[in-house]
Each structure stands twice: as C-alpha cells, then as structure tokens.
Amino acid sequence: MIRAATDADLAAVTEIYRHYVQNSTATWAFEAPDERWWRETLTTVSDDGLPFLVAEDESGVQGFAYLGTFRNRAGWQHTVEDTVYLREQAAGRGLGTRLLAALLEAADPVRVREVIAMISGDVEASIALHRRLGFRETGRLPGVGEKFGRTLDCVILQRPLIL
C-alpha cells in the first residue's frame, strides 16, 4: 500500500536512508540525518503543498518518496526535485516504479510543472526507473561528487508533471 507519510513512519524512513548513506552513492551524504531531521523535512514538504509518501506491506515501511523544493528562489517555484528510496530487499520488484508513479500522481499540477531528479551517474537502477516514467536526461555534471574515495558524476533527469 502506498499512502501519505506520518510521524509514525519516520523511524523506518531514517533507517532506510541510513543504509544508503553508509553503503551507497545513491546519496552523497556522509552522515545520516536523525529522526528529528526527517520530522522537519516532512513538515516542510507538507507546508510546501508537496507529497511525502511511504510504501508499506505487512512487515512495515518498505520505501519512501517525496517532492521537495528544487532551488530556494521564487522563479523556481513550479519546479521540484524528487527523492525515492527503498529498503534493499524491496528493490527489483517494481515497488520503486509504483512509488514514483504515485508520487507524481499526488503532486498538484497548479503547484508543480517540472520534476527534476539529480542522480549519481553510477546508480543505473535509479536512472532506469526515472526513464521508465518519462524522465529524460537534460544534463550531466562530470566529476562534481565524491564518496568512498571515488569521483562521481551527477545525471540530471527531468520531466513535466503532466506528460
């Protein structure tokens, strides 16, 4: 089931994201934020009129996704950036596709015109996920990131909310 996130989901969100901070280049963060940070993020996303969703099954939250402000300037007000993360064991079963599709469906077309994804160039599954849902590569920033002693590219994908 995919539904709006609540405070009760934030321990699971924190745990899911921590895995990627510690083990993956899917995020370039070096330290995982705590549950309080996620609570503030949930509040900010909600206050901005944007969706924050979780996917859960009988064993609990298996993933989360939200739309956030792309740049903090008024001229970017109709452009957002997506975030999607799954538990490692939930990957490869179509859940990411369903979660991202639900996220795009939940966005208000008056508020959102364009959706941006900024993805580490070596995270091919995330790039493929976004392409399946109509995102196209609109830019590549070579060598701008670093994690685990590796230099990383940032792939920029974009799609209009309404195709």
N, C-alpha and C. Protein backbone atom coordinates (compact mmCIF):
# COMPACT_ATOMS: atom_id res chain seq x y z
N MET A 1 0.84 -1.18 0.00
CA MET A 1 0.00 0.00 0.00
C MET A 1 0.89 1.25 0.00
N ILE A 2 0.52 2.21 -0.80
CA ILE A 2 1.22 3.49 -0.83
C ILE A 2 0.29 4.53 -0.23
N ARG A 3 0.82 5.31 0.71
CA ARG A 3 0.00 6.29 1.42
C ARG A 3 0.86 7.46 1.85
N ALA A 4 0.20 8.51 2.35
CA ALA A 4 0.91 9.67 2.88
C ALA A 4 1.70 9.27 4.12
N ALA A 5 2.91 9.78 4.22
CA ALA A 5 3.75 9.52 5.39
C ALA A 5 3.22 10.25 6.61
N THR A 6 3.45 9.65 7.77
CA THR A 6 3.11 10.27 9.05
C THR A 6 4.34 10.23 9.95
N ASP A 7 4.26 10.92 11.07
CA ASP A 7 5.36 10.89 12.04
C ASP A 7 5.71 9.46 12.46
N ALA A 8 4.72 8.59 12.51
CA ALA A 8 4.95 7.20 12.92
C ALA A 8 5.85 6.44 11.95
N ASP A 9 5.99 6.93 10.72
CA ASP A 9 6.82 6.27 9.70
C ASP A 9 8.28 6.70 9.74
N LEU A 10 8.59 7.73 10.50
CA LEU A 10 9.90 8.36 10.36
C LEU A 10 11.05 7.54 10.90
N ALA A 11 10.81 6.66 11.84
CA ALA A 11 11.89 5.76 12.29
C ALA A 11 12.31 4.85 11.14
N ALA A 12 11.34 4.33 10.40
CA ALA A 12 11.65 3.48 9.24
C ALA A 12 12.32 4.28 8.14
N VAL A 13 11.84 5.49 7.88
CA VAL A 13 12.46 6.35 6.86
C VAL A 13 13.92 6.60 7.23
N THR A 14 14.17 6.91 8.49
CA THR A 14 15.53 7.15 8.97
C THR A 14 16.41 5.93 8.74
N GLU A 15 15.91 4.77 9.05
CA GLU A 15 16.66 3.52 8.89
C GLU A 15 16.95 3.22 7.41
N ILE A 16 15.95 3.39 6.57
CA ILE A 16 16.13 3.13 5.13
C ILE A 16 17.20 4.05 4.57
N TYR A 17 17.11 5.33 4.87
CA TYR A 17 18.07 6.28 4.32
C TYR A 17 19.48 6.04 4.87
N ARG A 18 19.57 5.68 6.15
CA ARG A 18 20.87 5.42 6.76
C ARG A 18 21.63 4.34 5.98
N HIS A 19 20.92 3.32 5.52
CA HIS A 19 21.56 2.26 4.74
C HIS A 19 22.27 2.85 3.52
N TYR A 20 21.62 3.77 2.82
CA TYR A 20 22.21 4.36 1.61
C TYR A 20 23.37 5.29 1.94
N VAL A 21 23.27 6.01 3.04
CA VAL A 21 24.38 6.87 3.45
C VAL A 21 25.62 6.02 3.71
N GLN A 22 25.44 4.91 4.38
CA GLN A 22 26.58 4.08 4.79
C GLN A 22 27.11 3.16 3.70
N ASN A 23 26.28 2.83 2.70
CA ASN A 23 26.65 1.76 1.77
C ASN A 23 26.53 2.10 0.29
N SER A 24 26.14 3.30 -0.08
CA SER A 24 25.80 3.56 -1.47
C SER A 24 26.18 4.97 -1.89
N THR A 25 26.31 5.15 -3.19
CA THR A 25 26.49 6.50 -3.74
C THR A 25 25.15 7.09 -4.20
N ALA A 26 24.04 6.42 -3.88
CA ALA A 26 22.72 6.96 -4.22
C ALA A 26 22.49 8.31 -3.53
N THR A 27 23.10 8.50 -2.37
CA THR A 27 23.14 9.80 -1.72
C THR A 27 24.60 10.15 -1.49
N TRP A 28 24.92 11.40 -1.62
CA TRP A 28 26.29 11.82 -1.38
C TRP A 28 26.49 12.30 0.06
N ALA A 29 25.48 12.10 0.89
CA ALA A 29 25.61 12.42 2.32
C ALA A 29 26.61 11.47 2.96
N PHE A 30 27.39 11.99 3.89
CA PHE A 30 28.35 11.18 4.64
C PHE A 30 27.82 10.79 6.01
N GLU A 31 26.85 11.54 6.51
CA GLU A 31 26.24 11.26 7.81
C GLU A 31 24.73 11.20 7.64
N ALA A 32 24.12 10.21 8.24
CA ALA A 32 22.66 10.04 8.13
C ALA A 32 21.95 11.00 9.08
N PRO A 33 20.94 11.70 8.59
CA PRO A 33 20.17 12.57 9.48
C PRO A 33 19.35 11.75 10.46
N ASP A 34 19.03 12.35 11.58
CA ASP A 34 18.25 11.65 12.59
C ASP A 34 16.75 11.82 12.34
N GLU A 35 15.97 11.18 13.18
CA GLU A 35 14.52 11.21 13.02
C GLU A 35 13.96 12.63 13.15
N ARG A 36 14.57 13.44 13.99
CA ARG A 36 14.12 14.83 14.14
C ARG A 36 14.26 15.58 12.82
N TRP A 37 15.37 15.36 12.12
CA TRP A 37 15.57 16.00 10.81
C TRP A 37 14.48 15.56 9.82
N TRP A 38 14.15 14.27 9.84
CA TRP A 38 13.10 13.78 8.93
C TRP A 38 11.74 14.36 9.31
N ARG A 39 11.50 14.57 10.60
CA ARG A 39 10.23 15.19 11.02
C ARG A 39 10.14 16.61 10.46
N GLU A 40 11.24 17.36 10.54
CA GLU A 40 11.27 18.71 9.98
C GLU A 40 11.07 18.68 8.46
N THR A 41 11.67 17.69 7.80
CA THR A 41 11.51 17.56 6.35
C THR A 41 10.06 17.26 6.00
N LEU A 42 9.44 16.33 6.72
CA LEU A 42 8.03 16.01 6.48
C LEU A 42 7.16 17.25 6.65
N THR A 43 7.42 18.03 7.68
CA THR A 43 6.65 19.26 7.91
C THR A 43 6.87 20.26 6.78
N THR A 44 8.11 20.45 6.37
CA THR A 44 8.42 21.40 5.30
C THR A 44 7.76 20.98 3.99
N VAL A 45 7.88 19.71 3.66
CA VAL A 45 7.28 19.20 2.42
C VAL A 45 5.77 19.43 2.45
N SER A 46 5.13 19.10 3.56
CA SER A 46 3.68 19.28 3.70
C SER A 46 3.30 20.75 3.63
N ASP A 47 4.05 21.60 4.33
CA ASP A 47 3.77 23.04 4.32
C ASP A 47 3.92 23.63 2.93
N ASP A 48 4.80 23.04 2.11
CA ASP A 48 5.00 23.50 0.74
C ASP A 48 3.96 22.94 -0.23
N GLY A 49 3.00 22.18 0.28
CA GLY A 49 1.94 21.62 -0.56
C GLY A 49 2.41 20.49 -1.46
N LEU A 50 3.42 19.76 -1.00
CA LEU A 50 4.00 18.68 -1.79
C LEU A 50 3.80 17.33 -1.09
N PRO A 51 3.82 16.24 -1.85
CA PRO A 51 3.59 14.92 -1.25
C PRO A 51 4.84 14.29 -0.66
N PHE A 52 4.65 13.55 0.42
CA PHE A 52 5.66 12.69 1.04
C PHE A 52 4.94 11.37 1.28
N LEU A 53 5.34 10.33 0.58
CA LEU A 53 4.65 9.05 0.60
C LEU A 53 5.53 7.94 1.16
N VAL A 54 4.89 6.91 1.67
CA VAL A 54 5.59 5.68 2.04
C VAL A 54 4.88 4.51 1.37
N ALA A 55 5.66 3.47 1.11
CA ALA A 55 5.12 2.20 0.63
C ALA A 55 5.30 1.20 1.76
N GLU A 56 4.21 0.53 2.12
CA GLU A 56 4.31 -0.43 3.21
C GLU A 56 3.62 -1.73 2.84
N ASP A 57 4.08 -2.79 3.47
CA ASP A 57 3.41 -4.08 3.38
C ASP A 57 3.22 -4.60 4.79
N GLU A 58 2.87 -5.87 4.91
CA GLU A 58 2.58 -6.42 6.23
C GLU A 58 3.77 -6.37 7.18
N SER A 59 4.98 -6.25 6.64
CA SER A 59 6.16 -6.19 7.52
C SER A 59 6.62 -4.76 7.82
N GLY A 60 5.91 -3.76 7.28
CA GLY A 60 6.24 -2.38 7.60
C GLY A 60 6.59 -1.55 6.39
N VAL A 61 7.17 -0.39 6.63
CA VAL A 61 7.53 0.55 5.56
C VAL A 61 8.68 -0.03 4.75
N GLN A 62 8.48 -0.10 3.44
CA GLN A 62 9.48 -0.67 2.53
C GLN A 62 10.16 0.40 1.68
N GLY A 63 9.63 1.61 1.69
CA GLY A 63 10.24 2.68 0.92
C GLY A 63 9.53 3.99 1.16
N PHE A 64 10.16 5.06 0.69
CA PHE A 64 9.55 6.38 0.82
C PHE A 64 9.94 7.23 -0.38
N ALA A 65 9.14 8.25 -0.63
CA ALA A 65 9.41 9.19 -1.72
C ALA A 65 8.75 10.52 -1.38
N TYR A 66 9.41 11.59 -1.79
CA TYR A 66 8.80 12.90 -1.61
C TYR A 66 9.29 13.86 -2.67
N LEU A 67 8.53 14.93 -2.85
CA LEU A 67 8.94 16.04 -3.70
C LEU A 67 9.35 17.19 -2.80
N GLY A 68 10.44 17.84 -3.15
CA GLY A 68 10.92 18.97 -2.37
C GLY A 68 11.27 20.13 -3.28
N THR A 69 11.41 21.28 -2.69
CA THR A 69 11.80 22.48 -3.41
C THR A 69 13.10 22.23 -4.16
N PHE A 70 13.16 22.62 -5.44
CA PHE A 70 14.37 22.40 -6.22
C PHE A 70 15.43 23.44 -5.90
N ARG A 71 15.10 24.69 -5.96
CA ARG A 71 16.03 25.77 -5.60
C ARG A 71 15.24 26.77 -4.78
N ASN A 72 15.91 27.43 -3.88
CA ASN A 72 15.24 28.33 -2.95
C ASN A 72 15.18 29.75 -3.51
N ARG A 73 14.61 29.89 -4.70
CA ARG A 73 14.39 31.20 -5.31
C ARG A 73 12.99 31.19 -5.92
N ALA A 74 12.31 32.32 -5.88
CA ALA A 74 10.92 32.41 -6.32
C ALA A 74 10.70 31.94 -7.75
N GLY A 75 11.65 32.20 -8.62
CA GLY A 75 11.49 31.83 -10.02
C GLY A 75 11.44 30.33 -10.26
N TRP A 76 11.86 29.53 -9.28
CA TRP A 76 11.84 28.07 -9.39
C TRP A 76 10.60 27.47 -8.73
N GLN A 77 9.62 28.27 -8.38
CA GLN A 77 8.51 27.82 -7.54
C GLN A 77 7.71 26.66 -8.11
N HIS A 78 7.72 26.45 -9.42
CA HIS A 78 6.95 25.36 -10.01
C HIS A 78 7.81 24.17 -10.40
N THR A 79 9.06 24.17 -9.95
CA THR A 79 9.98 23.07 -10.22
C THR A 79 10.34 22.41 -8.89
N VAL A 80 10.29 21.09 -8.87
CA VAL A 80 10.58 20.33 -7.65
C VAL A 80 11.60 19.24 -7.97
N GLU A 81 12.20 18.70 -6.92
CA GLU A 81 13.13 17.58 -7.05
C GLU A 81 12.55 16.37 -6.32
N ASP A 82 12.65 15.21 -6.95
CA ASP A 82 12.13 14.01 -6.30
C ASP A 82 13.21 13.28 -5.52
N THR A 83 12.76 12.55 -4.52
CA THR A 83 13.60 11.68 -3.70
C THR A 83 12.86 10.36 -3.56
N VAL A 84 13.54 9.25 -3.86
CA VAL A 84 12.94 7.92 -3.76
C VAL A 84 13.97 6.95 -3.19
N TYR A 85 13.62 6.25 -2.12
CA TYR A 85 14.50 5.23 -1.52
C TYR A 85 13.67 4.03 -1.09
N LEU A 86 14.23 2.84 -1.30
CA LEU A 86 13.59 1.58 -0.90
C LEU A 86 14.50 0.80 0.03
N ARG A 87 13.90 -0.02 0.86
CA ARG A 87 14.71 -1.00 1.59
C ARG A 87 15.42 -1.86 0.56
N GLU A 88 16.64 -2.24 0.88
CA GLU A 88 17.44 -3.01 -0.07
C GLU A 88 16.70 -4.27 -0.55
N GLN A 89 16.04 -4.97 0.36
CA GLN A 89 15.35 -6.20 -0.02
C GLN A 89 14.07 -5.96 -0.81
N ALA A 90 13.60 -4.71 -0.88
CA ALA A 90 12.39 -4.38 -1.64
C ALA A 90 12.71 -3.99 -3.08
N ALA A 91 13.97 -3.81 -3.40
CA ALA A 91 14.37 -3.38 -4.75
C ALA A 91 14.17 -4.52 -5.75
N GLY A 92 13.91 -4.12 -7.00
CA GLY A 92 13.81 -5.09 -8.08
C GLY A 92 12.46 -5.78 -8.21
N ARG A 93 11.45 -5.29 -7.50
CA ARG A 93 10.12 -5.90 -7.55
C ARG A 93 9.06 -4.95 -8.09
N GLY A 94 9.49 -3.82 -8.65
CA GLY A 94 8.53 -2.86 -9.20
C GLY A 94 8.02 -1.85 -8.20
N LEU A 95 8.45 -1.95 -6.95
CA LEU A 95 7.95 -1.03 -5.93
C LEU A 95 8.41 0.40 -6.20
N GLY A 96 9.65 0.58 -6.63
CA GLY A 96 10.13 1.92 -6.94
C GLY A 96 9.31 2.59 -8.02
N THR A 97 8.94 1.83 -9.04
CA THR A 97 8.12 2.35 -10.13
C THR A 97 6.75 2.76 -9.60
N ARG A 98 6.14 1.90 -8.80
CA ARG A 98 4.82 2.23 -8.25
C ARG A 98 4.89 3.44 -7.33
N LEU A 99 5.94 3.52 -6.53
CA LEU A 99 6.08 4.62 -5.58
C LEU A 99 6.31 5.95 -6.30
N LEU A 100 7.20 5.96 -7.28
CA LEU A 100 7.45 7.20 -8.03
C LEU A 100 6.22 7.60 -8.83
N ALA A 101 5.52 6.64 -9.43
CA ALA A 101 4.29 6.96 -10.17
C ALA A 101 3.24 7.57 -9.24
N ALA A 102 3.10 7.01 -8.05
CA ALA A 102 2.14 7.55 -7.08
C ALA A 102 2.54 8.94 -6.63
N LEU A 103 3.83 9.17 -6.48
CA LEU A 103 4.33 10.49 -6.09
C LEU A 103 3.96 11.53 -7.14
N LEU A 104 4.19 11.21 -8.40
CA LEU A 104 3.87 12.13 -9.48
C LEU A 104 2.36 12.36 -9.56
N GLU A 105 1.59 11.31 -9.34
CA GLU A 105 0.13 11.42 -9.36
C GLU A 105 -0.37 12.30 -8.22
N ALA A 106 0.31 12.26 -7.08
CA ALA A 106 -0.12 13.02 -5.89
C ALA A 106 0.22 14.50 -5.97
N ALA A 107 1.10 14.87 -6.88
CA ALA A 107 1.52 16.27 -6.98
C ALA A 107 0.41 17.12 -7.58
N ASP A 108 0.26 18.31 -7.06
CA ASP A 108 -0.74 19.27 -7.53
C ASP A 108 -0.21 19.96 -8.79
N PRO A 109 -0.88 19.80 -9.94
CA PRO A 109 -0.37 20.40 -11.18
C PRO A 109 -0.38 21.93 -11.18
N VAL A 110 -1.12 22.55 -10.27
CA VAL A 110 -1.06 24.01 -10.15
C VAL A 110 0.25 24.40 -9.47
N ARG A 111 0.71 23.58 -8.54
CA ARG A 111 1.95 23.84 -7.79
C ARG A 111 3.19 23.38 -8.55
N VAL A 112 3.09 22.26 -9.26
CA VAL A 112 4.26 21.62 -9.87
C VAL A 112 4.11 21.56 -11.39
N ARG A 113 5.12 22.06 -12.09
CA ARG A 113 5.17 21.92 -13.55
C ARG A 113 6.26 20.97 -14.00
N GLU A 114 7.44 21.06 -13.38
CA GLU A 114 8.59 20.26 -13.79
C GLU A 114 9.15 19.51 -12.58
N VAL A 115 9.57 18.28 -12.81
CA VAL A 115 10.16 17.45 -11.77
C VAL A 115 11.58 17.11 -12.19
N ILE A 116 12.53 17.35 -11.30
CA ILE A 116 13.95 17.12 -11.54
C ILE A 116 14.40 15.94 -10.68
N ALA A 117 15.28 15.12 -11.23
CA ALA A 117 15.96 14.08 -10.45
C ALA A 117 17.45 14.28 -10.65
N MET A 118 18.18 14.38 -9.56
CA MET A 118 19.64 14.51 -9.59
C MET A 118 20.19 13.19 -9.06
N ILE A 119 20.78 12.38 -9.95
CA ILE A 119 21.13 11.00 -9.62
C ILE A 119 22.61 10.77 -9.86
N SER A 120 23.26 10.09 -8.94
CA SER A 120 24.65 9.71 -9.12
C SER A 120 24.77 8.86 -10.37
N GLY A 121 25.73 9.19 -11.22
CA GLY A 121 25.86 8.53 -12.52
C GLY A 121 26.08 7.04 -12.46
N ASP A 122 26.49 6.51 -11.31
CA ASP A 122 26.73 5.07 -11.20
C ASP A 122 25.53 4.30 -10.64
N VAL A 123 24.43 5.00 -10.35
CA VAL A 123 23.24 4.34 -9.80
C VAL A 123 22.27 4.10 -10.96
N GLU A 124 22.62 3.12 -11.77
CA GLU A 124 21.90 2.87 -13.02
C GLU A 124 20.44 2.47 -12.80
N ALA A 125 20.13 1.77 -11.72
CA ALA A 125 18.75 1.36 -11.47
C ALA A 125 17.85 2.58 -11.26
N SER A 126 18.34 3.60 -10.58
CA SER A 126 17.54 4.81 -10.36
C SER A 126 17.36 5.59 -11.66
N ILE A 127 18.41 5.66 -12.46
CA ILE A 127 18.29 6.32 -13.76
C ILE A 127 17.26 5.59 -14.62
N ALA A 128 17.33 4.26 -14.66
CA ALA A 128 16.37 3.47 -15.44
C ALA A 128 14.95 3.65 -14.92
N LEU A 129 14.78 3.68 -13.60
CA LEU A 129 13.46 3.91 -13.00
C LEU A 129 12.86 5.21 -13.52
N HIS A 130 13.63 6.26 -13.46
CA HIS A 130 13.12 7.56 -13.90
C HIS A 130 12.82 7.57 -15.39
N ARG A 131 13.65 6.96 -16.18
CA ARG A 131 13.40 6.91 -17.63
C ARG A 131 12.10 6.16 -17.92
N ARG A 132 11.83 5.09 -17.19
CA ARG A 132 10.58 4.33 -17.39
C ARG A 132 9.35 5.21 -17.19
N LEU A 133 9.49 6.21 -16.34
CA LEU A 133 8.34 7.08 -16.03
C LEU A 133 8.40 8.40 -16.79
N GLY A 134 9.14 8.45 -17.88
CA GLY A 134 9.09 9.60 -18.78
C GLY A 134 10.12 10.68 -18.53
N PHE A 135 11.04 10.47 -17.61
CA PHE A 135 12.11 11.44 -17.41
C PHE A 135 13.12 11.30 -18.54
N ARG A 136 13.72 12.41 -18.93
CA ARG A 136 14.78 12.37 -19.92
C ARG A 136 16.01 13.07 -19.36
N GLU A 137 17.16 12.62 -19.79
CA GLU A 137 18.40 13.24 -19.33
C GLU A 137 18.52 14.62 -19.96
N THR A 138 18.67 15.63 -19.11
CA THR A 138 18.81 17.00 -19.60
C THR A 138 20.15 17.61 -19.23
N GLY A 139 20.96 16.85 -18.51
CA GLY A 139 22.28 17.35 -18.17
C GLY A 139 23.11 16.31 -17.45
N ARG A 140 24.40 16.56 -17.45
CA ARG A 140 25.34 15.69 -16.74
C ARG A 140 26.45 16.58 -16.23
N LEU A 141 26.73 16.47 -14.94
CA LEU A 141 27.78 17.24 -14.31
C LEU A 141 28.92 16.28 -13.99
N PRO A 142 29.95 16.22 -14.84
CA PRO A 142 31.02 15.25 -14.63
C PRO A 142 31.90 15.61 -13.44
N GLY A 143 32.21 14.60 -12.63
CA GLY A 143 33.19 14.74 -11.57
C GLY A 143 32.86 15.70 -10.46
N VAL A 144 31.58 16.00 -10.24
CA VAL A 144 31.23 17.00 -9.23
C VAL A 144 31.05 16.43 -7.82
N GLY A 145 30.95 15.11 -7.71
CA GLY A 145 30.75 14.49 -6.41
C GLY A 145 31.88 13.56 -6.04
N GLU A 146 31.93 13.23 -4.75
CA GLU A 146 32.92 12.27 -4.29
C GLU A 146 32.37 11.54 -3.08
N LYS A 147 32.53 10.23 -3.10
CA LYS A 147 32.14 9.42 -1.95
C LYS A 147 32.91 8.11 -2.02
N PHE A 148 33.29 7.61 -0.88
CA PHE A 148 34.05 6.36 -0.78
C PHE A 148 35.33 6.43 -1.62
N GLY A 149 35.92 7.62 -1.73
CA GLY A 149 37.16 7.79 -2.46
C GLY A 149 37.02 7.78 -3.97
N ARG A 150 35.80 7.85 -4.46
CA ARG A 150 35.54 7.84 -5.90
C ARG A 150 34.96 9.17 -6.34
N THR A 151 35.36 9.63 -7.51
CA THR A 151 34.78 10.82 -8.11
C THR A 151 33.52 10.40 -8.86
N LEU A 152 32.46 11.19 -8.72
CA LEU A 152 31.15 10.81 -9.24
C LEU A 152 30.55 11.89 -10.13
N ASP A 153 29.84 11.45 -11.14
CA ASP A 153 29.06 12.35 -11.99
C ASP A 153 27.66 12.49 -11.42
N CYS A 154 27.01 13.60 -11.72
CA CYS A 154 25.61 13.79 -11.40
C CYS A 154 24.83 13.83 -12.71
N VAL A 155 23.85 12.94 -12.84
CA VAL A 155 22.99 12.91 -14.01
C VAL A 155 21.71 13.65 -13.65
N ILE A 156 21.33 14.60 -14.48
CA ILE A 156 20.12 15.38 -14.25
C ILE A 156 19.05 14.86 -15.21
N LEU A 157 17.94 14.41 -14.64
CA LEU A 157 16.80 13.96 -15.43
C LEU A 157 15.62 14.87 -15.11
N GLN A 158 14.74 15.02 -16.08
CA GLN A 158 13.64 15.97 -15.93
C GLN A 158 12.43 15.47 -16.69
N ARG A 159 11.26 15.80 -16.18
CA ARG A 159 10.02 15.57 -16.93
C ARG A 159 8.98 16.57 -16.48
N PRO A 160 8.09 16.95 -17.39
CA PRO A 160 6.95 17.76 -16.96
C PRO A 160 6.03 16.88 -16.11
N LEU A 161 5.37 17.47 -15.14
CA LEU A 161 4.46 16.68 -14.32
C LEU A 161 3.38 16.05 -15.19
N ILE A 162 2.82 16.84 -16.07
CA ILE A 162 1.79 16.35 -16.98
C ILE A 162 2.45 16.04 -18.31
N LEU A 163 2.46 14.77 -18.68
CA LEU A 163 3.07 14.37 -19.96
C LEU A 163 2.13 14.62 -21.11
